[in-house]
Structure formats: structure tokens, C-alpha cells
PDB file of N, CA and C in Angstrom:
ATOM      1  N   MET A   1      68.733  67.095  99.783  1.00  0.00           N
ATOM      2  CA  MET A   1      69.606  67.620 100.816  1.00  0.00           C
ATOM      3  C   MET A   1      70.266  68.896 100.297  1.00  0.00           C
ATOM      4  N   THR A   2      70.344  69.911 101.147  1.00  0.00           N
ATOM      5  CA  THR A   2      70.946  71.182 100.774  1.00  0.00           C
ATOM      6  C   THR A   2      72.459  71.093 100.880  1.00  0.00           C
ATOM      7  N   ARG A   3      73.126  71.564  99.864  1.00  0.00           N
ATOM      8  CA  ARG A   3      74.586  71.580  99.868  1.00  0.00           C
ATOM      9  C   ARG A   3      75.072  72.840 100.585  1.00  0.00           C
ATOM     10  N   ILE A   4      76.011  72.682 101.501  1.00  0.00           N
ATOM     11  CA  ILE A   4      76.572  73.807 102.246  1.00  0.00           C
ATOM     12  C   ILE A   4      77.930  74.141 101.643  1.00  0.00           C
ATOM     13  N   SER A   5      78.095  75.386 101.255  1.00  0.00           N
ATOM     14  CA  SER A   5      79.360  75.842 100.691  1.00  0.00           C
ATOM     15  C   SER A   5      80.367  76.030 101.824  1.00  0.00           C
ATOM     16  N   MET A   6      81.526  75.396 101.697  1.00  0.00           N
ATOM     17  CA  MET A   6      82.543  75.434 102.739  1.00  0.00           C
ATOM     18  C   MET A   6      83.755  76.241 102.280  1.00  0.00           C
ATOM     19  N   LEU A   7      84.428  76.862 103.243  1.00  0.00           N
ATOM     20  CA  LEU A   7      85.642  77.622 102.985  1.00  0.00           C
ATOM     21  C   LEU A   7      86.788  77.019 103.788  1.00  0.00           C
ATOM     22  N   THR A   8      87.978  77.007 103.200  1.00  0.00           N
ATOM     23  CA  THR A   8      89.167  76.605 103.949  1.00  0.00           C
ATOM     24  C   THR A   8      89.541  77.734 104.905  1.00  0.00           C
ATOM     25  N   THR A   9      90.497  77.478 105.778  1.00  0.00           N
ATOM     26  CA  THR A   9      90.964  78.525 106.687  1.00  0.00           C
ATOM     27  C   THR A   9      91.513  79.707 105.901  1.00  0.00           C
ATOM     28  N   THR A  10      92.279  79.435 104.853  1.00  0.00           N
ATOM     29  CA  THR A  10      92.836  80.508 104.024  1.00  0.00           C
ATOM     30  C   THR A  10      91.734  81.316 103.351  1.00  0.00           C
ATOM     31  N   GLU A  11      90.735  80.641 102.804  1.00  0.00           N
ATOM     32  CA  GLU A  11      89.628  81.338 102.142  1.00  0.00           C
ATOM     33  C   GLU A  11      88.816  82.168 103.137  1.00  0.00           C
ATOM     34  N   ALA A  12      88.567  81.598 104.316  1.00  0.00           N
ATOM     35  CA  ALA A  12      87.805  82.326 105.333  1.00  0.00           C
ATOM     36  C   ALA A  12      88.587  83.550 105.815  1.00  0.00           C
ATOM     37  N   ALA A  13      89.891  83.391 106.012  1.00  0.00           N
ATOM     38  CA  ALA A  13      90.723  84.522 106.438  1.00  0.00           C
ATOM     39  C   ALA A  13      90.689  85.636 105.398  1.00  0.00           C
ATOM     40  N   THR A  14      90.763  85.272 104.136  1.00  0.00           N
ATOM     41  CA  THR A  14      90.687  86.263 103.061  1.00  0.00           C
ATOM     42  C   THR A  14      89.348  86.975 103.095  1.00  0.00           C
ATOM     43  N   ARG A  15      88.276  86.229 103.248  1.00  0.00           N
ATOM     44  CA  ARG A  15      86.930  86.816 103.303  1.00  0.00           C
ATOM     45  C   ARG A  15      86.801  87.780 104.485  1.00  0.00           C
ATOM     46  N   LEU A  16      87.456  87.442 105.608  1.00  0.00           N
ATOM     47  CA  LEU A  16      87.381  88.263 106.817  1.00  0.00           C
ATOM     48  C   LEU A  16      88.422  89.382 106.840  1.00  0.00           C
ATOM     49  N   ASN A  17      89.305  89.375 105.861  1.00  0.00           N
ATOM     50  CA  ASN A  17      90.362  90.387 105.754  1.00  0.00           C
ATOM     51  C   ASN A  17      91.306  90.352 106.961  1.00  0.00           C
ATOM     52  N   VAL A  18      91.633  89.130 107.391  1.00  0.00           N
ATOM     53  CA  VAL A  18      92.607  88.918 108.461  1.00  0.00           C
ATOM     54  C   VAL A  18      93.604  87.872 107.969  1.00  0.00           C
ATOM     55  N   SER A  19      94.735  87.771 108.656  1.00  0.00           N
ATOM     56  CA  SER A  19      95.710  86.755 108.269  1.00  0.00           C
ATOM     57  C   SER A  19      95.211  85.367 108.678  1.00  0.00           C
ATOM     58  N   LYS A  20      95.767  84.370 108.031  1.00  0.00           N
ATOM     59  CA  LYS A  20      95.418  82.985 108.373  1.00  0.00           C
ATOM     60  C   LYS A  20      95.781  82.717 109.838  1.00  0.00           C
ATOM     61  N   ARG A  21      96.922  83.251 110.271  1.00  0.00           N
ATOM     62  CA  ARG A  21      97.372  83.057 111.650  1.00  0.00           C
ATOM     63  C   ARG A  21      96.385  83.673 112.652  1.00  0.00           C
ATOM     64  N   THR A  22      95.848  84.847 112.319  1.00  0.00           N
ATOM     65  CA  THR A  22      94.857  85.487 113.192  1.00  0.00           C
ATOM     66  C   THR A  22      93.625  84.609 113.328  1.00  0.00           C
ATOM     67  N   LEU A  23      93.151  84.069 112.210  1.00  0.00           N
ATOM     68  CA  LEU A  23      91.969  83.208 112.256  1.00  0.00           C
ATOM     69  C   LEU A  23      92.242  81.957 113.096  1.00  0.00           C
ATOM     70  N   ILE A  24      93.442  81.415 112.987  1.00  0.00           N
ATOM     71  CA  ILE A  24      93.813  80.247 113.800  1.00  0.00           C
ATOM     72  C   ILE A  24      93.825  80.625 115.285  1.00  0.00           C
ATOM     73  N   ARG A  25      94.378  81.792 115.619  1.00  0.00           N
ATOM     74  CA  ARG A  25      94.383  82.242 117.023  1.00  0.00           C
ATOM     75  C   ARG A  25      92.962  82.438 117.534  1.00  0.00           C
ATOM     76  N   TRP A  26      92.094  83.028 116.721  1.00  0.00           N
ATOM     77  CA  TRP A  26      90.694  83.200 117.117  1.00  0.00           C
ATOM     78  C   TRP A  26      90.070  81.846 117.432  1.00  0.00           C
ATOM     79  N   ARG A  27      90.348  80.857 116.571  1.00  0.00           N
ATOM     80  CA  ARG A  27      89.758  79.528 116.729  1.00  0.00           C
ATOM     81  C   ARG A  27      90.244  78.860 118.016  1.00  0.00           C
ATOM     82  N   GLN A  28      91.493  79.150 118.406  1.00  0.00           N
ATOM     83  CA  GLN A  28      92.083  78.514 119.581  1.00  0.00           C
ATOM     84  C   GLN A  28      91.780  79.252 120.881  1.00  0.00           C
ATOM     85  N   SER A  29      91.197  80.447 120.774  1.00  0.00           N
ATOM     86  CA  SER A  29      90.898  81.226 121.977  1.00  0.00           C
ATOM     87  C   SER A  29      89.674  80.647 122.691  1.00  0.00           C
ATOM     88  N   ILE A  30      89.583  80.966 123.975  1.00  0.00           N
ATOM     89  CA  ILE A  30      88.423  80.540 124.763  1.00  0.00           C
ATOM     90  C   ILE A  30      87.808  81.792 125.362  1.00  0.00           C
ATOM     91  N   PRO A  31      86.598  82.145 125.013  1.00  0.00           N
ATOM     92  CA  PRO A  31      85.748  81.488 124.016  1.00  0.00           C
ATOM     93  C   PRO A  31      86.244  81.774 122.602  1.00  0.00           C
ATOM     94  N   ILE A  32      85.798  80.964 121.665  1.00  0.00           N
ATOM     95  CA  ILE A  32      86.184  81.122 120.264  1.00  0.00           C
ATOM     96  C   ILE A  32      85.719  82.481 119.760  1.00  0.00           C
ATOM     97  N   ILE A  33      86.615  83.164 119.054  1.00  0.00           N
ATOM     98  CA  ILE A  33      86.292  84.430 118.396  1.00  0.00           C
ATOM     99  C   ILE A  33      86.072  84.108 116.923  1.00  0.00           C
ATOM    100  N   GLY A  34      85.141  84.781 116.302  1.00  0.00           N
ATOM    101  CA  GLY A  34      84.916  84.596 114.867  1.00  0.00           C
ATOM    102  C   GLY A  34      83.897  83.513 114.580  1.00  0.00           C
ATOM    103  N   PRO A  35      83.771  83.186 113.289  1.00  0.00           N
ATOM    104  CA  PRO A  35      82.795  82.168 112.892  1.00  0.00           C
ATOM    105  C   PRO A  35      83.200  80.796 113.418  1.00  0.00           C
ATOM    106  N   PRO A  36      82.219  79.934 113.683  1.00  0.00           N
ATOM    107  CA  PRO A  36      82.541  78.621 114.242  1.00  0.00           C
ATOM    108  C   PRO A  36      83.248  77.719 113.225  1.00  0.00           C
ATOM    109  N   PRO A  37      84.369  77.121 113.640  1.00  0.00           N
ATOM    110  CA  PRO A  37      85.067  76.186 112.760  1.00  0.00           C
ATOM    111  C   PRO A  37      84.375  74.825 112.760  1.00  0.00           C
ATOM    112  N   ILE A  38      84.565  74.080 111.681  1.00  0.00           N
ATOM    113  CA  ILE A  38      84.003  72.738 111.545  1.00  0.00           C
ATOM    114  C   ILE A  38      85.141  71.799 111.162  1.00  0.00           C
ATOM    115  N   ARG A  39      85.346  70.749 111.957  1.00  0.00           N
ATOM    116  CA  ARG A  39      86.388  69.770 111.620  1.00  0.00           C
ATOM    117  C   ARG A  39      85.781  68.724 110.698  1.00  0.00           C
ATOM    118  N   ILE A  40      86.415  68.542 109.553  1.00  0.00           N
ATOM    119  CA  ILE A  40      86.010  67.516 108.589  1.00  0.00           C
ATOM    120  C   ILE A  40      87.251  66.674 108.324  1.00  0.00           C
ATOM    121  N   GLY A  41      87.279  65.483 108.900  1.00  0.00           N
ATOM    122  CA  GLY A  41      88.481  64.664 108.806  1.00  0.00           C
ATOM    123  C   GLY A  41      89.624  65.364 109.527  1.00  0.00           C
ATOM    124  N   ASN A  42      90.729  65.598 108.809  1.00  0.00           N
ATOM    125  CA  ASN A  42      91.875  66.302 109.379  1.00  0.00           C
ATOM    126  C   ASN A  42      91.870  67.785 109.039  1.00  0.00           C
ATOM    127  N   SER A  43      90.820  68.261 108.409  1.00  0.00           N
ATOM    128  CA  SER A  43      90.756  69.652 107.954  1.00  0.00           C
ATOM    129  C   SER A  43      89.812  70.480 108.817  1.00  0.00           C
ATOM    130  N   ILE A  44      90.143  71.749 108.946  1.00  0.00           N
ATOM    131  CA  ILE A  44      89.248  72.713 109.585  1.00  0.00           C
ATOM    132  C   ILE A  44      88.629  73.531 108.467  1.00  0.00           C
ATOM    133  N   MET A  45      87.309  73.585 108.450  1.00  0.00           N
ATOM    134  CA  MET A  45      86.584  74.323 107.413  1.00  0.00           C
ATOM    135  C   MET A  45      85.622  75.286 108.096  1.00  0.00           C
ATOM    136  N   TYR A  46      85.098  76.206 107.295  1.00  0.00           N
ATOM    137  CA  TYR A  46      84.108  77.171 107.779  1.00  0.00           C
ATOM    138  C   TYR A  46      82.956  77.189 106.793  1.00  0.00           C
ATOM    139  N   ALA A  47      81.738  77.119 107.301  1.00  0.00           N
ATOM    140  CA  ALA A  47      80.567  77.233 106.431  1.00  0.00           C
ATOM    141  C   ALA A  47      80.505  78.683 105.946  1.00  0.00           C
ATOM    142  N   GLU A  48      80.364  78.851 104.641  1.00  0.00           N
ATOM    143  CA  GLU A  48      80.330  80.192 104.066  1.00  0.00           C
ATOM    144  C   GLU A  48      79.235  81.038 104.715  1.00  0.00           C
ATOM    145  N   GLN A  49      78.081  80.432 104.987  1.00  0.00           N
ATOM    146  CA  GLN A  49      76.982  81.183 105.605  1.00  0.00           C
ATOM    147  C   GLN A  49      77.340  81.628 107.020  1.00  0.00           C
ATOM    148  N   ASP A  50      78.137  80.836 107.748  1.00  0.00           N
ATOM    149  CA  ASP A  50      78.578  81.238 109.089  1.00  0.00           C
ATOM    150  C   ASP A  50      79.534  82.426 109.020  1.00  0.00           C
ATOM    151  N   VAL A  51      80.448  82.392 108.046  1.00  0.00           N
ATOM    152  CA  VAL A  51      81.401  83.495 107.873  1.00  0.00           C
ATOM    153  C   VAL A  51      80.649  84.777 107.524  1.00  0.00           C
ATOM    154  N   ASN A  52      79.745  84.685 106.559  1.00  0.00           N
ATOM    155  CA  ASN A  52      78.969  85.864 106.159  1.00  0.00           C
ATOM    156  C   ASN A  52      78.106  86.382 107.310  1.00  0.00           C
ATOM    157  N   GLY A  53      77.497  85.466 108.056  1.00  0.00           N
ATOM    158  CA  GLY A  53      76.674  85.855 109.194  1.00  0.00           C
ATOM    159  C   GLY A  53      77.487  86.540 110.281  1.00  0.00           C
ATOM    160  N   TRP A  54      78.687  86.026 110.536  1.00  0.00           N
ATOM    161  CA  TRP A  54      79.544  86.626 111.554  1.00  0.00           C
ATOM    162  C   TRP A  54      79.953  88.042 111.143  1.00  0.00           C
ATOM    163  N   ILE A  55      80.263  88.227 109.870  1.00  0.00           N
ATOM    164  CA  ILE A  55      80.605  89.566 109.372  1.00  0.00           C
ATOM    165  C   ILE A  55      79.447  90.527 109.637  1.00  0.00           C
ATOM    166  N   LEU A  56      78.231  90.093 109.351  1.00  0.00           N
ATOM    167  CA  LEU A  56      77.064  90.958 109.562  1.00  0.00           C
ATOM    168  C   LEU A  56      76.875  91.311 111.035  1.00  0.00           C
ATOM    169  N   THR A  57      77.112  90.362 111.936  1.00  0.00           N
ATOM    170  CA  THR A  57      76.950  90.660 113.361  1.00  0.00           C
ATOM    171  C   THR A  57      77.989  91.673 113.820  1.00  0.00           C
ATOM    172  N   GLN A  58      79.175  91.627 113.247  1.00  0.00           N
ATOM    173  CA  GLN A  58      80.210  92.589 113.617  1.00  0.00           C
ATOM    174  C   GLN A  58      79.860  93.979 113.110  1.00  0.00           C
ATOM    175  N   ARG A  59      79.288  94.050 111.923  1.00  0.00           N
ATOM    176  CA  ARG A  59      78.887  95.339 111.363  1.00  0.00           C
ATOM    177  C   ARG A  59      77.809  95.965 112.238  1.00  0.00           C
ATOM    178  N   GLU A  60      76.867  95.151 112.693  1.00  0.00           N
ATOM    179  CA  GLU A  60      75.779  95.651 113.529  1.00  0.00           C
ATOM    180  C   GLU A  60      76.294  96.176 114.865  1.00  0.00           C
ATOM    181  N   LYS A  61      77.392  95.617 115.354  1.00  0.00           N
ATOM    182  CA  LYS A  61      77.988  96.070 116.604  1.00  0.00           C
ATOM    183  C   LYS A  61      78.914  97.263 116.381  1.00  0.00           C
ATOM    184  N   GLY A  62      79.138  97.612 115.117  1.00  0.00           N
ATOM    185  CA  GLY A  62      80.032  98.714 114.810  1.00  0.00           C
ATOM    186  C   GLY A  62      81.492  98.331 114.865  1.00  0.00           C
ATOM    187  N   LYS A  63      81.781  97.020 114.757  1.00  0.00           N
ATOM    188  CA  LYS A  63      83.157  96.544 114.854  1.00  0.00           C
ATOM    189  C   LYS A  63      83.780  96.233 113.501  1.00  0.00           C
ATOM    190  N   ALA A  64      82.998  96.207 112.451  1.00  0.00           N
ATOM    191  CA  ALA A  64      83.554  95.835 111.149  1.00  0.00           C
ATOM    192  C   ALA A  64      83.685  97.051 110.267  1.00  0.00           C
TER     193      ALA A  64
END
């Protein structure tokens, strides 16, 4: 089984160069902005590959 590297909200926000609060607002918006969050128990996590992929899509659109 392949291990998926996960990031906390704080780690993902740092990687995206936004505040933790901004990432939380993105997650709560409809539709969701940013990489898809994953609930694990009581925690919200982000797959590192999803965060990196989202960054690349923004660069391609000229938004990053």
C-alpha cells in the first residue's frame, strides 16, 4: 500500500503562503477554494500531493 504524505492545516497554509484563517475560509466556502480537505477523525488534513497539484493549477492559470 502506498503511503500518502499528509499536511495539517497550518502546514498546508504555510506551503500555500496564506494564513491558516484564509485556508479555513477557503475550506468553508461553497464551492471549496483550494486543495480538497480530508477529515481524519476530528482533524482536517490535506494530502501533500493535492496541495502541490493545486499550486501547479494556479500557476498554469496565471494566479500564483
